[in-house]
Amino acid sequence: MFGGGGGMNPRKMRQMMDQMGIDVTEIDAEEVIIRTDDTEHVFHDADVQRMDAQGQQTYQIVGEPDERPRGDEDDANVDADDSDTHADDGADVADQDVEIVAQRAGVPESEAREALAETGDLAAAVQRLQEE
């Protein structure tokens, strides 16, 4: 929207944005993934800004993405996650994963372990426990 500012003083630009009701927040993102029908654009350590203006949020991502064909999402999750989470059809789940699920879902670790064993996926386990 304001690009490089065309040599404009950053303080003056900030004042103009404040007058227009635009609030900019830096987001410390580790990874951003944009999925299309057949491709994933993966940004690692991207610079991400959120602009709030007129009740809408707009995100700006600056970085060089890796592009990869979009395949079976279950296979992608196995590659990205610890193999301990998916080993032996979920029978042996990593203690660290159990702690994460228990904390995010607000449940005891025994329930978190059971959900992880059934789903084999952190996000799916949290979602299932939150829906109960």
Protein backbone atom coordinates (compact mmCIF):
# COMPACT_ATOMS: atom_id res chain seq x y z
CA MET A 1 0.00 0.00 0.00
CA PHE A 2 2.79 2.40 0.93
CA GLY A 3 5.57 0.41 -0.77
CA GLY A 4 8.99 1.89 -0.12
CA GLY A 5 7.48 5.25 0.82
CA GLY A 6 9.17 7.01 -2.10
CA GLY A 7 11.74 8.52 0.24
CA MET A 8 9.09 9.69 2.71
CA ASN A 9 10.13 10.25 6.30
CA PRO A 10 9.11 7.13 8.31
CA ARG A 11 7.76 9.30 11.14
CA LYS A 12 5.56 11.26 8.71
CA MET A 13 4.35 8.02 7.15
CA ARG A 14 3.44 6.69 10.62
CA GLN A 15 1.50 9.91 11.34
CA MET A 16 -0.43 9.60 8.08
CA MET A 17 -1.28 5.97 8.81
CA ASP A 18 -2.46 6.89 12.32
CA GLN A 19 -4.66 9.66 10.87
CA MET A 20 -6.22 7.17 8.46
CA GLY A 21 -6.82 4.68 11.26
CA ILE A 22 -4.33 2.10 9.98
CA ASP A 23 -2.55 0.06 12.62
CA VAL A 24 0.47 -2.05 11.59
CA THR A 25 1.69 -4.97 13.73
CA GLU A 26 4.82 -7.04 13.11
CA ILE A 27 4.23 -10.80 13.46
CA ASP A 28 7.16 -13.04 14.45
CA ALA A 29 6.26 -15.87 12.06
CA GLU A 30 8.35 -19.02 11.80
CA GLU A 31 6.63 -20.27 8.65
CA VAL A 32 3.83 -19.19 6.32
CA ILE A 33 2.20 -21.63 3.89
CA ILE A 34 -0.05 -20.58 1.03
CA ARG A 35 -1.88 -23.54 -0.52
CA THR A 36 -3.38 -23.49 -3.98
CA ASP A 37 -5.09 -26.39 -5.72
CA ASP A 38 -1.81 -27.88 -6.87
CA THR A 39 1.06 -25.96 -5.19
CA GLU A 40 2.24 -24.95 -1.74
CA HIS A 41 4.26 -21.75 -1.32
CA VAL A 42 6.26 -22.11 1.91
CA PHE A 43 7.92 -19.04 3.43
CA HIS A 44 10.53 -19.80 6.12
CA ASP A 45 11.44 -16.93 8.48
CA ALA A 46 9.33 -14.48 6.47
CA ASP A 47 8.73 -10.89 7.52
CA VAL A 48 4.98 -10.67 8.20
CA GLN A 49 2.98 -7.54 8.95
CA ARG A 50 -0.72 -7.27 9.80
CA MET A 51 -2.49 -4.06 8.90
CA ASP A 52 -5.80 -3.29 10.58
CA ALA A 53 -7.79 -0.70 8.62
CA GLN A 54 -11.52 -0.03 8.46
CA GLY A 55 -12.35 -3.22 10.32
CA GLN A 56 -10.39 -5.49 7.99
CA GLN A 57 -7.07 -7.23 8.51
CA THR A 58 -4.56 -7.43 5.68
CA TYR A 59 -1.38 -9.50 5.89
CA GLN A 60 1.83 -8.71 4.04
CA ILE A 61 4.46 -11.41 3.63
CA VAL A 62 8.00 -10.54 2.53
CA GLY A 63 10.37 -13.37 1.71
CA GLU A 64 11.33 -15.93 -0.88
CA PRO A 65 9.04 -18.99 -0.84
CA ASP A 66 9.92 -22.56 -1.60
CA GLU A 67 7.39 -24.01 -4.01
CA ARG A 68 6.40 -27.63 -3.86
CA PRO A 69 3.65 -29.64 -5.48
CA ARG A 70 0.71 -30.26 -3.23
CA GLY A 71 0.37 -33.94 -2.45
CA ASP A 72 -1.32 -36.06 0.14
CA GLU A 73 -1.51 -33.87 3.25
CA ASP A 74 -1.10 -36.81 5.60
CA ASP A 75 2.28 -37.58 4.01
CA ALA A 76 3.33 -33.94 4.40
CA ASN A 77 2.46 -34.01 8.10
CA VAL A 78 4.52 -37.15 8.65
CA ASP A 79 7.55 -35.49 7.07
CA ALA A 80 7.13 -32.25 9.03
CA ASP A 81 6.37 -33.70 12.48
CA ASP A 82 8.50 -35.87 14.77
CA SER A 83 8.36 -39.47 13.63
CA ASP A 84 7.67 -40.45 17.28
CA THR A 85 4.20 -38.96 16.97
CA HIS A 86 3.25 -41.30 14.14
CA ALA A 87 5.20 -44.43 15.04
CA ASP A 88 3.35 -47.69 15.57
CA ASP A 89 -0.02 -46.24 14.50
CA GLY A 90 0.05 -43.72 17.37
CA ALA A 91 0.65 -46.30 20.11
CA ASP A 92 3.90 -44.60 21.15
CA VAL A 93 3.46 -40.85 21.25
CA ALA A 94 6.18 -38.45 22.34
CA ASP A 95 5.78 -37.04 25.85
CA GLN A 96 6.45 -33.55 24.51
CA ASP A 97 3.53 -33.91 22.09
CA VAL A 98 1.28 -35.09 24.91
CA GLU A 99 2.20 -32.04 26.99
CA ILE A 100 1.49 -29.69 24.07
CA VAL A 101 -1.93 -31.21 23.37
CA ALA A 102 -2.87 -31.28 27.07
CA GLN A 103 -1.91 -27.64 27.50
CA ARG A 104 -3.64 -26.38 24.34
CA ALA A 105 -6.83 -28.37 24.93
CA GLY A 106 -6.86 -27.84 28.71
CA VAL A 107 -7.20 -31.54 29.50
CA PRO A 108 -5.23 -34.06 31.58
CA GLU A 109 -2.25 -35.72 29.90
CA SER A 110 -4.01 -39.11 29.90
CA GLU A 111 -6.80 -37.70 27.68
CA ALA A 112 -4.26 -35.95 25.47
CA ARG A 113 -2.26 -39.18 25.03
CA GLU A 114 -5.43 -41.08 24.09
CA ALA A 115 -6.45 -38.44 21.53
CA LEU A 116 -2.95 -38.45 20.01
CA ALA A 117 -2.96 -42.23 19.78
CA GLU A 118 -6.31 -42.16 17.97
CA THR A 119 -5.62 -39.26 15.60
CA GLY A 120 -1.84 -39.46 15.16
CA ASP A 121 -1.75 -35.68 14.68
CA LEU A 122 -1.25 -32.80 17.16
CA ALA A 123 -3.72 -30.40 15.57
CA ALA A 124 -6.40 -33.05 15.08
CA ALA A 125 -6.03 -34.22 18.69
CA VAL A 126 -6.40 -30.69 20.05
CA GLN A 127 -9.40 -30.03 17.82
CA ARG A 128 -11.10 -33.26 18.85
CA LEU A 129 -10.58 -32.56 22.53
CA GLN A 130 -11.87 -29.00 22.24
CA GLU A 131 -15.03 -30.20 20.50
CA GLU A 132 -15.90 -32.61 23.30
